[in-house]
Amino acid sequence: MENNFDLAKWLAGEMTADELEAFEKSPEFNTYKKIKELSGQMEAPAFDAESSYQNIMGQAKEKPVVRLRNNWFLKAAAILVIALGTLFILKYQITSTEYANAGEKTTFLLPDDSEIVLNSDSEIRYKKWNWSSNRSLDLKGEAFFKVAKGEKFDVNTSLGKVTVVGTQFNVRVRNTNFEVECYEGKVKVAFNNKILFLEKGSSVIVRSGKQLQSLPLTTDRPSWLLNELKLNVASLNEAISEIKRHYAVEIEHSKISSDQYFTGILPLDNIDTALEILCKTYHLDYIKTSDKKITLIKE
C-alpha cells in the first residue's frame, strides 16, 4: 500500500525534494517511469466542452457537492489503467521473427508445439500472442513443418499459400520459384488462382508462375535435413545461389552463363564435392581465392 501511496504522490507532483530523491532510487521507479511515459503519449477523445459543462452544472443543482480529498490517487489509478491497456494492445500486436543465417539451420516450436526447421537464409514471422485466434505465419526462404496432431494454420509466401492440418511438409520460396512437398497427411496449396491438394509423397513445383511436372518423393523428409541439396530443373544461377546460401561463401561467376538445367543432388557437408559435381555438369572449373571466396572459370 505504501508503494501505491508514493506512486500516486509522484504522479500528482506532490512529493518533497527528499521524497522524490528516495523514490527515484527505488527498484520500481524505472517501471513507473515507463508507465507514465506510455500514458503520456495517449490522447483523450474530443468532446463538446459546452455540452459537458451544462450537464455538470445541471447535476450540481440536483446533488450536493462532494469534495474528493485524494484526487491524486484517482488520477494515479486512471493512469495505471490506461497504461496497462496500452501495454496489452502493444503485446497483442507484437510480431515474433525466427531467422536462419546463411550456412545455418534453426529449429523452434510454435505455441501449439508444432515444430519448424528453417533452412539457411530463411525467415518466419508470426504473432505468438493469441496464436489460437490468429493461426498464420509468413515465410521467406525454406522451412520444414512438423505440425502437431489436430492443429491447423496457414503458411503465407509471396508466391502462394499452404494450409495444413496435422501433417509434415516442406515449403520453399526463392525468387520466382515456389515448391511444396508433403511428407505426411494432406496439405492445401493455393497459387495463381489455382488450388491443389497434396497427399503424402507428392509435391508441386512452380517456376515463374508455371506449374512443372514433379517427381514422387522418395524420402520421409526434405533432402536438406539429410545434408543433401536436391535440385529439380534448376538453372546454373539457381544452383550457385543454393551453394552460396548453404555454405555461406561468395562465388564469382559473372563470366559464366548456360541455358542448361540441373537436376540432381549436391552434398551439403563437402563444398569441394558439390563444386566438382556442378562444374563437371557445366564443363567448368573453380579456384578458391580464400576460405570463403570462390571463382568459377571455363575449362
C-alpha atoms as a PDB file:
ATOM      1  CA  MET A   1       0.000   0.000   0.000  1.00  0.00           C
ATOM      2  CA  GLU A   2       2.943   2.306   0.708  1.00  0.00           C
ATOM      3  CA  ASN A   3       4.117   1.852  -2.896  1.00  0.00           C
ATOM      4  CA  ASN A   4       0.716   2.920  -4.246  1.00  0.00           C
ATOM      5  CA  PHE A   5       0.794   5.986  -1.966  1.00  0.00           C
ATOM      6  CA  ASP A   6       4.259   7.014  -3.212  1.00  0.00           C
ATOM      7  CA  LEU A   7       3.299   6.382  -6.864  1.00  0.00           C
ATOM      8  CA  ALA A   8       0.194   8.500  -6.537  1.00  0.00           C
ATOM      9  CA  LYS A   9       2.075  11.407  -4.910  1.00  0.00           C
ATOM     10  CA  TRP A  10       4.731  11.235  -7.633  1.00  0.00           C
ATOM     11  CA  LEU A  11       2.184  11.268 -10.458  1.00  0.00           C
ATOM     12  CA  ALA A  12       0.406  14.197  -8.825  1.00  0.00           C
ATOM     13  CA  GLY A  13       3.687  16.115  -8.361  1.00  0.00           C
ATOM     14  CA  GLU A  14       3.172  16.409  -4.605  1.00  0.00           C
ATOM     15  CA  MET A  15       6.446  14.869  -3.396  1.00  0.00           C
ATOM     16  CA  THR A  16       9.012  16.869  -1.439  1.00  0.00           C
ATOM     17  CA  ALA A  17      12.590  17.028  -2.729  1.00  0.00           C
ATOM     18  CA  ASP A  18      13.728  14.386  -0.235  1.00  0.00           C
ATOM     19  CA  GLU A  19      10.794  12.111  -1.038  1.00  0.00           C
ATOM     20  CA  LEU A  20      11.442  12.463  -4.789  1.00  0.00           C
ATOM     21  CA  GLU A  21      15.120  11.616  -4.390  1.00  0.00           C
ATOM     22  CA  ALA A  22      14.334   8.482  -2.383  1.00  0.00           C
ATOM     23  CA  PHE A  23      11.554   7.457  -4.787  1.00  0.00           C
ATOM     24  CA  GLU A  24      13.826   7.729  -7.849  1.00  0.00           C
ATOM     25  CA  LYS A  25      16.282   5.333  -6.183  1.00  0.00           C
ATOM     26  CA  SER A  26      13.609   2.670  -5.584  1.00  0.00           C
ATOM     27  CA  PRO A  27      13.738  -0.516  -7.740  1.00  0.00           C
ATOM     28  CA  GLU A  28      10.215   0.158  -9.031  1.00  0.00           C
ATOM     29  CA  PHE A  29      10.996   3.659 -10.328  1.00  0.00           C
ATOM     30  CA  ASN A  30      12.007   2.649 -13.877  1.00  0.00           C
ATOM     31  CA  THR A  31       8.796   0.658 -14.321  1.00  0.00           C
ATOM     32  CA  TYR A  32       6.674   3.559 -13.058  1.00  0.00           C
ATOM     33  CA  LYS A  33       8.557   5.936 -15.345  1.00  0.00           C
ATOM     34  CA  LYS A  34       7.817   3.794 -18.424  1.00  0.00           C
ATOM     35  CA  ILE A  35       4.130   3.592 -17.497  1.00  0.00           C
ATOM     36  CA  LYS A  36       3.976   7.362 -17.114  1.00  0.00           C
ATOM     37  CA  GLU A  37       5.656   7.864 -20.499  1.00  0.00           C
ATOM     38  CA  LEU A  38       3.256   5.458 -22.227  1.00  0.00           C
ATOM     39  CA  SER A  39       0.204   7.051 -20.696  1.00  0.00           C
ATOM     40  CA  GLY A  40       1.511  10.493 -21.577  1.00  0.00           C
ATOM     41  CA  GLN A  41       1.564   9.557 -25.266  1.00  0.00           C
ATOM     42  CA  MET A  42      -2.130   8.736 -25.320  1.00  0.00           C
ATOM     43  CA  GLU A  43      -4.669  11.334 -26.364  1.00  0.00           C
ATOM     44  CA  ALA A  44      -8.139  11.698 -24.940  1.00  0.00           C
ATOM     45  CA  PRO A  45     -11.037  11.694 -27.456  1.00  0.00           C
ATOM     46  CA  ALA A  46     -12.502  15.058 -28.493  1.00  0.00           C
ATOM     47  CA  PHE A  47     -15.681  16.165 -26.690  1.00  0.00           C
ATOM     48  CA  ASP A  48     -18.152  19.045 -26.612  1.00  0.00           C
ATOM     49  CA  ALA A  49     -16.945  21.227 -23.738  1.00  0.00           C
ATOM     50  CA  GLU A  50     -20.036  23.441 -23.641  1.00  0.00           C
ATOM     51  CA  SER A  51     -22.432  20.493 -23.547  1.00  0.00           C
ATOM     52  CA  SER A  52     -20.380  18.773 -20.853  1.00  0.00           C
ATOM     53  CA  TYR A  53     -20.359  21.972 -18.778  1.00  0.00           C
ATOM     54  CA  GLN A  54     -24.141  22.293 -18.928  1.00  0.00           C
ATOM     55  CA  ASN A  55     -24.595  18.638 -17.898  1.00  0.00           C
ATOM     56  CA  ILE A  56     -22.263  19.046 -14.946  1.00  0.00           C
ATOM     57  CA  MET A  57     -23.978  22.236 -13.782  1.00  0.00           C
ATOM     58  CA  GLY A  58     -27.368  20.551 -14.043  1.00  0.00           C
ATOM     59  CA  GLN A  59     -26.217  17.654 -11.913  1.00  0.00           C
ATOM     60  CA  ALA A  60     -24.673  20.046  -9.413  1.00  0.00           C
ATOM     61  CA  LYS A  61     -28.051  21.639  -8.777  1.00  0.00           C
ATOM     62  CA  GLU A  62     -29.635  18.263  -8.033  1.00  0.00           C
ATOM     63  CA  LYS A  63     -26.901  16.711  -5.852  1.00  0.00           C
ATOM     64  CA  PRO A  64     -24.730  18.098  -3.069  1.00  0.00           C
ATOM     65  CA  VAL A  65     -21.097  18.641  -3.953  1.00  0.00           C
ATOM     66  CA  VAL A  66     -18.739  16.049  -2.501  1.00  0.00           C
ATOM     67  CA  ARG A  67     -15.115  17.182  -2.375  1.00  0.00           C
ATOM     68  CA  LEU A  68     -12.623  14.409  -3.081  1.00  0.00           C
ATOM     69  CA  ARG A  69      -9.587  14.944  -0.921  1.00  0.00           C
ATOM     70  CA  ASN A  70      -7.335  12.354  -2.523  1.00  0.00           C
ATOM     71  CA  ASN A  71      -7.990  13.198  -6.192  1.00  0.00           C
ATOM     72  CA  TRP A  72      -4.325  12.452  -6.931  1.00  0.00           C
ATOM     73  CA  PHE A  73      -4.926   8.817  -6.015  1.00  0.00           C
ATOM     74  CA  LEU A  74      -7.765   8.603  -8.549  1.00  0.00           C
ATOM     75  CA  LYS A  75      -5.511  10.189 -11.145  1.00  0.00           C
ATOM     76  CA  ALA A  76      -2.850   7.576 -10.465  1.00  0.00           C
ATOM     77  CA  ALA A  77      -5.368   4.750 -10.753  1.00  0.00           C
ATOM     78  CA  ALA A  78      -6.664   6.116 -14.073  1.00  0.00           C
ATOM     79  CA  ILE A  79      -3.158   6.415 -15.497  1.00  0.00           C
ATOM     80  CA  LEU A  80      -2.338   2.873 -14.413  1.00  0.00           C
ATOM     81  CA  VAL A  81      -5.464   1.514 -16.132  1.00  0.00           C
ATOM     82  CA  ILE A  82      -4.655   3.389 -19.351  1.00  0.00           C
ATOM     83  CA  ALA A  83      -1.016   2.321 -19.286  1.00  0.00           C
ATOM     84  CA  LEU A  84      -1.845  -1.327 -18.673  1.00  0.00           C
ATOM     85  CA  GLY A  85      -4.357  -1.211 -21.524  1.00  0.00           C
ATOM     86  CA  THR A  86      -1.696   0.267 -23.799  1.00  0.00           C
ATOM     87  CA  LEU A  87       0.797  -2.435 -22.854  1.00  0.00           C
ATOM     88  CA  PHE A  88      -1.813  -5.126 -23.539  1.00  0.00           C
ATOM     89  CA  ILE A  89      -2.535  -3.728 -27.019  1.00  0.00           C
ATOM     90  CA  LEU A  90       1.173  -3.481 -27.847  1.00  0.00           C
ATOM     91  CA  LYS A  91       1.775  -7.070 -26.723  1.00  0.00           C
ATOM     92  CA  TYR A  92      -1.170  -8.241 -28.863  1.00  0.00           C
ATOM     93  CA  GLN A  93       0.366  -6.632 -31.976  1.00  0.00           C
ATOM     94  CA  ILE A  94       3.985  -7.742 -31.482  1.00  0.00           C
ATOM     95  CA  THR A  95       5.304  -9.987 -34.269  1.00  0.00           C
ATOM     96  CA  SER A  96       7.840 -12.711 -33.466  1.00  0.00           C
ATOM     97  CA  THR A  97      10.596 -13.382 -36.001  1.00  0.00           C
ATOM     98  CA  GLU A  98      12.704 -16.522 -36.391  1.00  0.00           C
ATOM     99  CA  TYR A  99      15.699 -16.374 -38.747  1.00  0.00           C
ATOM    100  CA  ALA A 100      18.371 -18.780 -40.005  1.00  0.00           C
ATOM    101  CA  ASN A 101      21.564 -17.165 -41.279  1.00  0.00           C
ATOM    102  CA  ALA A 102      23.413 -18.390 -44.362  1.00  0.00           C
ATOM    103  CA  GLY A 103      25.094 -21.708 -43.625  1.00  0.00           C
ATOM    104  CA  GLU A 104      22.860 -22.365 -40.606  1.00  0.00           C
ATOM    105  CA  LYS A 105      19.618 -24.121 -39.696  1.00  0.00           C
ATOM    106  CA  THR A 106      17.258 -23.109 -36.890  1.00  0.00           C
ATOM    107  CA  THR A 107      14.612 -25.195 -35.097  1.00  0.00           C
ATOM    108  CA  PHE A 108      11.811 -23.731 -32.978  1.00  0.00           C
ATOM    109  CA  LEU A 109       8.302 -24.525 -31.713  1.00  0.00           C
ATOM    110  CA  LEU A 110       5.059 -22.684 -32.337  1.00  0.00           C
ATOM    111  CA  PRO A 111       2.732 -22.055 -29.365  1.00  0.00           C
ATOM    112  CA  ASP A 112       0.786 -25.234 -30.275  1.00  0.00           C
ATOM    113  CA  ASP A 113       4.041 -27.298 -30.153  1.00  0.00           C
ATOM    114  CA  SER A 114       4.266 -27.632 -33.932  1.00  0.00           C
ATOM    115  CA  GLU A 115       7.939 -27.907 -34.900  1.00  0.00           C
ATOM    116  CA  ILE A 116       9.550 -25.801 -37.630  1.00  0.00           C
ATOM    117  CA  VAL A 117      13.053 -26.167 -39.039  1.00  0.00           C
ATOM    118  CA  LEU A 118      14.288 -23.144 -41.001  1.00  0.00           C
ATOM    119  CA  ASN A 119      16.770 -23.714 -43.794  1.00  0.00           C
ATOM    120  CA  SER A 120      19.705 -21.369 -44.465  1.00  0.00           C
ATOM    121  CA  ASP A 121      18.909 -17.718 -45.202  1.00  0.00           C
ATOM    122  CA  SER A 122      15.218 -18.109 -44.304  1.00  0.00           C
ATOM    123  CA  GLU A 123      12.783 -16.205 -42.110  1.00  0.00           C
ATOM    124  CA  ILE A 124       9.396 -16.749 -40.473  1.00  0.00           C
ATOM    125  CA  ARG A 125       7.243 -14.052 -38.870  1.00  0.00           C
ATOM    126  CA  TYR A 126       4.142 -14.735 -36.757  1.00  0.00           C
ATOM    127  CA  LYS A 127       2.186 -13.402 -33.797  1.00  0.00           C
ATOM    128  CA  LYS A 128       2.935 -15.561 -30.785  1.00  0.00           C
ATOM    129  CA  TRP A 129       0.397 -13.776 -28.563  1.00  0.00           C
ATOM    130  CA  ASN A 130      -3.145 -15.132 -29.035  1.00  0.00           C
ATOM    131  CA  TRP A 131      -1.893 -17.693 -31.565  1.00  0.00           C
ATOM    132  CA  SER A 132      -5.086 -19.745 -31.224  1.00  0.00           C
ATOM    133  CA  SER A 133      -7.080 -16.921 -32.866  1.00  0.00           C
ATOM    134  CA  ASN A 134      -4.502 -15.921 -35.478  1.00  0.00           C
ATOM    135  CA  ARG A 135      -3.015 -19.134 -36.813  1.00  0.00           C
ATOM    136  CA  SER A 136      -0.932 -17.888 -39.735  1.00  0.00           C
ATOM    137  CA  LEU A 137       2.710 -17.127 -40.438  1.00  0.00           C
ATOM    138  CA  ASP A 138       4.781 -15.542 -43.215  1.00  0.00           C
ATOM    139  CA  LEU A 139       7.692 -17.430 -44.756  1.00  0.00           C
ATOM    140  CA  LYS A 140      10.657 -16.175 -46.750  1.00  0.00           C
ATOM    141  CA  GLY A 141      13.001 -18.916 -47.912  1.00  0.00           C
ATOM    142  CA  GLU A 142      12.547 -22.569 -46.991  1.00  0.00           C
ATOM    143  CA  ALA A 143      11.221 -24.450 -43.969  1.00  0.00           C
ATOM    144  CA  PHE A 144      10.121 -27.919 -42.914  1.00  0.00           C
ATOM    145  CA  PHE A 145       6.962 -28.128 -40.809  1.00  0.00           C
ATOM    146  CA  LYS A 146       6.001 -30.912 -38.417  1.00  0.00           C
ATOM    147  CA  VAL A 147       2.517 -29.884 -37.354  1.00  0.00           C
ATOM    148  CA  ALA A 148       1.113 -31.056 -34.023  1.00  0.00           C
ATOM    149  CA  LYS A 149      -1.697 -33.576 -34.413  1.00  0.00           C
ATOM    150  CA  GLY A 150      -5.056 -31.904 -34.998  1.00  0.00           C
ATOM    151  CA  GLU A 151      -3.576 -28.407 -35.286  1.00  0.00           C
ATOM    152  CA  LYS A 152      -4.148 -26.138 -38.278  1.00  0.00           C
ATOM    153  CA  PHE A 153      -2.526 -22.988 -39.619  1.00  0.00           C
ATOM    154  CA  ASP A 154      -1.647 -21.151 -42.842  1.00  0.00           C
ATOM    155  CA  VAL A 155       1.798 -20.574 -44.325  1.00  0.00           C
ATOM    156  CA  ASN A 156       1.820 -17.403 -46.425  1.00  0.00           C
ATOM    157  CA  THR A 157       4.528 -16.741 -49.014  1.00  0.00           C
ATOM    158  CA  SER A 158       4.976 -14.181 -51.778  1.00  0.00           C
ATOM    159  CA  LEU A 159       4.107 -16.828 -54.390  1.00  0.00           C
ATOM    160  CA  GLY A 160       1.408 -18.924 -52.740  1.00  0.00           C
ATOM    161  CA  LYS A 161      -0.337 -20.114 -49.614  1.00  0.00           C
ATOM    162  CA  VAL A 162      -0.272 -23.501 -47.876  1.00  0.00           C
ATOM    163  CA  THR A 163      -2.978 -24.629 -45.445  1.00  0.00           C
ATOM    164  CA  VAL A 164      -2.218 -27.573 -43.185  1.00  0.00           C
ATOM    165  CA  VAL A 165      -3.832 -29.849 -40.617  1.00  0.00           C
ATOM    166  CA  GLY A 166      -1.622 -32.177 -38.555  1.00  0.00           C
ATOM    167  CA  THR A 167       0.943 -33.019 -41.209  1.00  0.00           C
ATOM    168  CA  GLN A 168       4.611 -32.818 -42.221  1.00  0.00           C
ATOM    169  CA  PHE A 169       5.601 -30.779 -45.254  1.00  0.00           C
ATOM    170  CA  ASN A 170       8.277 -28.548 -46.751  1.00  0.00           C
ATOM    171  CA  VAL A 171       7.803 -25.133 -48.346  1.00  0.00           C
ATOM    172  CA  ARG A 172      10.430 -23.406 -50.456  1.00  0.00           C
ATOM    173  CA  VAL A 173      10.126 -19.936 -51.987  1.00  0.00           C
ATOM    174  CA  ARG A 174      13.186 -18.446 -53.668  1.00  0.00           C
ATOM    175  CA  ASN A 175      12.861 -15.588 -56.166  1.00  0.00           C
ATOM    176  CA  THR A 176      10.119 -16.778 -58.583  1.00  0.00           C
ATOM    177  CA  ASN A 177      10.316 -20.441 -57.542  1.00  0.00           C
ATOM    178  CA  PHE A 178       7.674 -21.997 -55.289  1.00  0.00           C
ATOM    179  CA  GLU A 179       7.797 -25.638 -54.152  1.00  0.00           C
ATOM    180  CA  VAL A 180       5.725 -27.627 -51.670  1.00  0.00           C
ATOM    181  CA  GLU A 181       6.410 -31.221 -50.614  1.00  0.00           C
ATOM    182  CA  CYS A 182       4.031 -33.278 -48.453  1.00  0.00           C
ATOM    183  CA  TYR A 183       5.619 -35.982 -46.294  1.00  0.00           C
ATOM    184  CA  GLU A 184       2.648 -36.892 -44.117  1.00  0.00           C
ATOM    185  CA  GLY A 185      -1.073 -36.129 -44.057  1.00  0.00           C
ATOM    186  CA  LYS A 186      -2.508 -33.664 -46.550  1.00  0.00           C
ATOM    187  CA  VAL A 187      -1.904 -30.019 -47.466  1.00  0.00           C
ATOM    188  CA  LYS A 188      -3.819 -27.439 -49.466  1.00  0.00           C
ATOM    189  CA  VAL A 189      -1.768 -25.257 -51.821  1.00  0.00           C
ATOM    190  CA  ALA A 190      -3.092 -22.063 -53.417  1.00  0.00           C
ATOM    191  CA  PHE A 191      -1.214 -20.148 -56.124  1.00  0.00           C
ATOM    192  CA  ASN A 192      -2.113 -18.142 -59.253  1.00  0.00           C
ATOM    193  CA  ASN A 193      -5.856 -18.654 -58.620  1.00  0.00           C
ATOM    194  CA  LYS A 194      -5.312 -22.426 -58.501  1.00  0.00           C
ATOM    195  CA  ILE A 195      -5.910 -24.810 -55.610  1.00  0.00           C
ATOM    196  CA  LEU A 196      -4.185 -28.174 -55.265  1.00  0.00           C
ATOM    197  CA  PHE A 197      -4.390 -30.846 -52.572  1.00  0.00           C
ATOM    198  CA  LEU A 198      -1.174 -32.741 -51.940  1.00  0.00           C
ATOM    199  CA  GLU A 199      -1.119 -36.075 -50.156  1.00  0.00           C
ATOM    200  CA  LYS A 200       1.786 -37.974 -48.628  1.00  0.00           C
ATOM    201  CA  GLY A 201       4.616 -38.489 -51.118  1.00  0.00           C
ATOM    202  CA  SER A 202       3.531 -35.814 -53.594  1.00  0.00           C
ATOM    203  CA  SER A 203       4.766 -32.318 -54.393  1.00  0.00           C
ATOM    204  CA  VAL A 204       4.236 -29.301 -56.628  1.00  0.00           C
ATOM    205  CA  ILE A 205       6.843 -27.138 -58.367  1.00  0.00           C
ATOM    206  CA  VAL A 206       6.005 -23.686 -59.728  1.00  0.00           C
ATOM    207  CA  ARG A 207       8.589 -21.692 -61.707  1.00  0.00           C
ATOM    208  CA  SER A 208       7.803 -18.122 -62.741  1.00  0.00           C
ATOM    209  CA  GLY A 209       4.092 -18.806 -62.352  1.00  0.00           C
ATOM    210  CA  LYS A 210       4.122 -22.044 -64.383  1.00  0.00           C
ATOM    211  CA  GLN A 211       3.471 -25.417 -62.801  1.00  0.00           C
ATOM    212  CA  LEU A 212       6.075 -28.045 -63.704  1.00  0.00           C
ATOM    213  CA  GLN A 213       5.860 -31.812 -63.569  1.00  0.00           C
ATOM    214  CA  SER A 214       7.120 -33.030 -60.208  1.00  0.00           C
ATOM    215  CA  LEU A 215       8.547 -36.395 -59.215  1.00  0.00           C
ATOM    216  CA  PRO A 216       7.221 -38.560 -56.341  1.00  0.00           C
ATOM    217  CA  LEU A 217       9.081 -38.097 -53.055  1.00  0.00           C
ATOM    218  CA  THR A 218      11.482 -40.903 -52.192  1.00  0.00           C
ATOM    219  CA  THR A 219      12.399 -39.902 -48.614  1.00  0.00           C
ATOM    220  CA  ASP A 220      10.453 -39.170 -45.437  1.00  0.00           C
ATOM    221  CA  ARG A 221      11.921 -35.670 -45.039  1.00  0.00           C
ATOM    222  CA  PRO A 222      13.478 -32.909 -47.167  1.00  0.00           C
ATOM    223  CA  SER A 223      16.926 -33.601 -48.583  1.00  0.00           C
ATOM    224  CA  TRP A 224      18.456 -30.567 -46.843  1.00  0.00           C
ATOM    225  CA  LEU A 225      17.674 -32.143 -43.464  1.00  0.00           C
ATOM    226  CA  LEU A 226      19.789 -35.082 -44.627  1.00  0.00           C
ATOM    227  CA  ASN A 227      22.673 -32.740 -45.579  1.00  0.00           C
ATOM    228  CA  GLU A 228      21.842 -33.032 -49.264  1.00  0.00           C
ATOM    229  CA  LEU A 229      20.761 -30.366 -51.729  1.00  0.00           C
ATOM    230  CA  LYS A 230      18.200 -31.713 -54.190  1.00  0.00           C
ATOM    231  CA  LEU A 231      17.671 -29.542 -57.258  1.00  0.00           C
ATOM    232  CA  ASN A 232      14.880 -30.050 -59.786  1.00  0.00           C
ATOM    233  CA  VAL A 233      15.271 -28.386 -63.201  1.00  0.00           C
ATOM    234  CA  ALA A 234      17.430 -25.648 -61.675  1.00  0.00           C
ATOM    235  CA  SER A 235      19.367 -23.103 -63.708  1.00  0.00           C
ATOM    236  CA  LEU A 236      23.098 -22.649 -63.168  1.00  0.00           C
ATOM    237  CA  ASN A 237      22.461 -19.388 -61.315  1.00  0.00           C
ATOM    238  CA  GLU A 238      19.954 -21.115 -59.016  1.00  0.00           C
ATOM    239  CA  ALA A 239      22.380 -23.948 -58.262  1.00  0.00           C
ATOM    240  CA  ILE A 240      25.176 -21.472 -57.489  1.00  0.00           C
ATOM    241  CA  SER A 241      22.853 -19.428 -55.261  1.00  0.00           C
ATOM    242  CA  GLU A 242      21.970 -22.537 -53.244  1.00  0.00           C
ATOM    243  CA  ILE A 243      25.631 -23.453 -52.743  1.00  0.00           C
ATOM    244  CA  LYS A 244      26.397 -19.888 -51.628  1.00  0.00           C
ATOM    245  CA  ARG A 245      23.453 -19.942 -49.226  1.00  0.00           C
ATOM    246  CA  HIS A 246      24.215 -23.288 -47.582  1.00  0.00           C
ATOM    247  CA  TYR A 247      27.989 -22.908 -47.337  1.00  0.00           C
ATOM    248  CA  ALA A 248      27.945 -19.150 -46.625  1.00  0.00           C
ATOM    249  CA  VAL A 249      30.521 -18.412 -49.336  1.00  0.00           C
ATOM    250  CA  GLU A 250      30.939 -15.933 -52.177  1.00  0.00           C
ATOM    251  CA  ILE A 251      31.122 -17.336 -55.716  1.00  0.00           C
ATOM    252  CA  GLU A 252      32.237 -15.163 -58.625  1.00  0.00           C
ATOM    253  CA  HIS A 253      30.612 -16.372 -61.858  1.00  0.00           C
ATOM    254  CA  SER A 254      29.837 -13.206 -63.823  1.00  0.00           C
ATOM    255  CA  LYS A 255      31.696 -14.546 -66.890  1.00  0.00           C
ATOM    256  CA  ILE A 256      29.845 -17.877 -66.826  1.00  0.00           C
ATOM    257  CA  SER A 257      26.441 -18.493 -68.412  1.00  0.00           C
ATOM    258  CA  SER A 258      24.472 -21.543 -69.512  1.00  0.00           C
ATOM    259  CA  ASP A 259      20.981 -22.440 -70.689  1.00  0.00           C
ATOM    260  CA  GLN A 260      21.355 -25.986 -69.384  1.00  0.00           C
ATOM    261  CA  TYR A 261      19.254 -27.001 -66.367  1.00  0.00           C
ATOM    262  CA  PHE A 262      20.470 -29.134 -63.495  1.00  0.00           C
ATOM    263  CA  THR A 263      18.570 -31.950 -61.803  1.00  0.00           C
ATOM    264  CA  GLY A 264      20.430 -33.863 -59.147  1.00  0.00           C
ATOM    265  CA  ILE A 265      21.774 -33.934 -55.592  1.00  0.00           C
ATOM    266  CA  LEU A 266      24.702 -31.988 -54.149  1.00  0.00           C
ATOM    267  CA  PRO A 267      26.226 -32.706 -50.708  1.00  0.00           C
ATOM    268  CA  LEU A 268      25.871 -30.049 -48.008  1.00  0.00           C
ATOM    269  CA  ASP A 269      28.787 -31.301 -45.909  1.00  0.00           C
ATOM    270  CA  ASN A 270      31.549 -31.109 -48.523  1.00  0.00           C
ATOM    271  CA  ILE A 271      31.782 -27.988 -50.672  1.00  0.00           C
ATOM    272  CA  ASP A 272      34.572 -29.391 -52.875  1.00  0.00           C
ATOM    273  CA  THR A 273      32.445 -32.369 -53.887  1.00  0.00           C
ATOM    274  CA  ALA A 274      29.449 -30.111 -54.523  1.00  0.00           C
ATOM    275  CA  LEU A 275      31.511 -27.805 -56.744  1.00  0.00           C
ATOM    276  CA  GLU A 276      33.087 -30.728 -58.610  1.00  0.00           C
ATOM    277  CA  ILE A 277      29.663 -32.173 -59.467  1.00  0.00           C
ATOM    278  CA  LEU A 278      28.362 -28.809 -60.629  1.00  0.00           C
ATOM    279  CA  CYS A 279      31.496 -27.964 -62.603  1.00  0.00           C
ATOM    280  CA  LYS A 280      31.554 -31.362 -64.315  1.00  0.00           C
ATOM    281  CA  THR A 281      27.935 -30.876 -65.416  1.00  0.00           C
ATOM    282  CA  TYR A 282      28.621 -27.445 -66.926  1.00  0.00           C
ATOM    283  CA  HIS A 283      32.222 -28.080 -68.062  1.00  0.00           C
ATOM    284  CA  LEU A 284      33.664 -25.590 -65.606  1.00  0.00           C
ATOM    285  CA  ASP A 285      36.477 -25.394 -63.101  1.00  0.00           C
ATOM    286  CA  TYR A 286      36.847 -23.463 -59.851  1.00  0.00           C
ATOM    287  CA  ILE A 287      39.538 -21.622 -57.936  1.00  0.00           C
ATOM    288  CA  LYS A 288      39.470 -20.950 -54.191  1.00  0.00           C
ATOM    289  CA  THR A 289      40.871 -17.475 -53.609  1.00  0.00           C
ATOM    290  CA  SER A 290      40.191 -17.816 -49.866  1.00  0.00           C
ATOM    291  CA  ASP A 291      38.168 -19.973 -47.470  1.00  0.00           C
ATOM    292  CA  LYS A 292      35.016 -18.009 -48.283  1.00  0.00           C
ATOM    293  CA  LYS A 293      35.662 -16.837 -51.868  1.00  0.00           C
ATOM    294  CA  ILE A 294      35.465 -18.994 -54.997  1.00  0.00           C
ATOM    295  CA  THR A 295      35.754 -18.145 -58.694  1.00  0.00           C
ATOM    296  CA  LEU A 296      34.233 -20.277 -61.459  1.00  0.00           C
ATOM    297  CA  ILE A 297      36.082 -20.426 -64.778  1.00  0.00           C
ATOM    298  CA  LYS A 298      35.616 -22.217 -68.076  1.00  0.00           C
ATOM    299  CA  GLU A 299      37.643 -25.368 -68.641  1.00  0.00           C
END
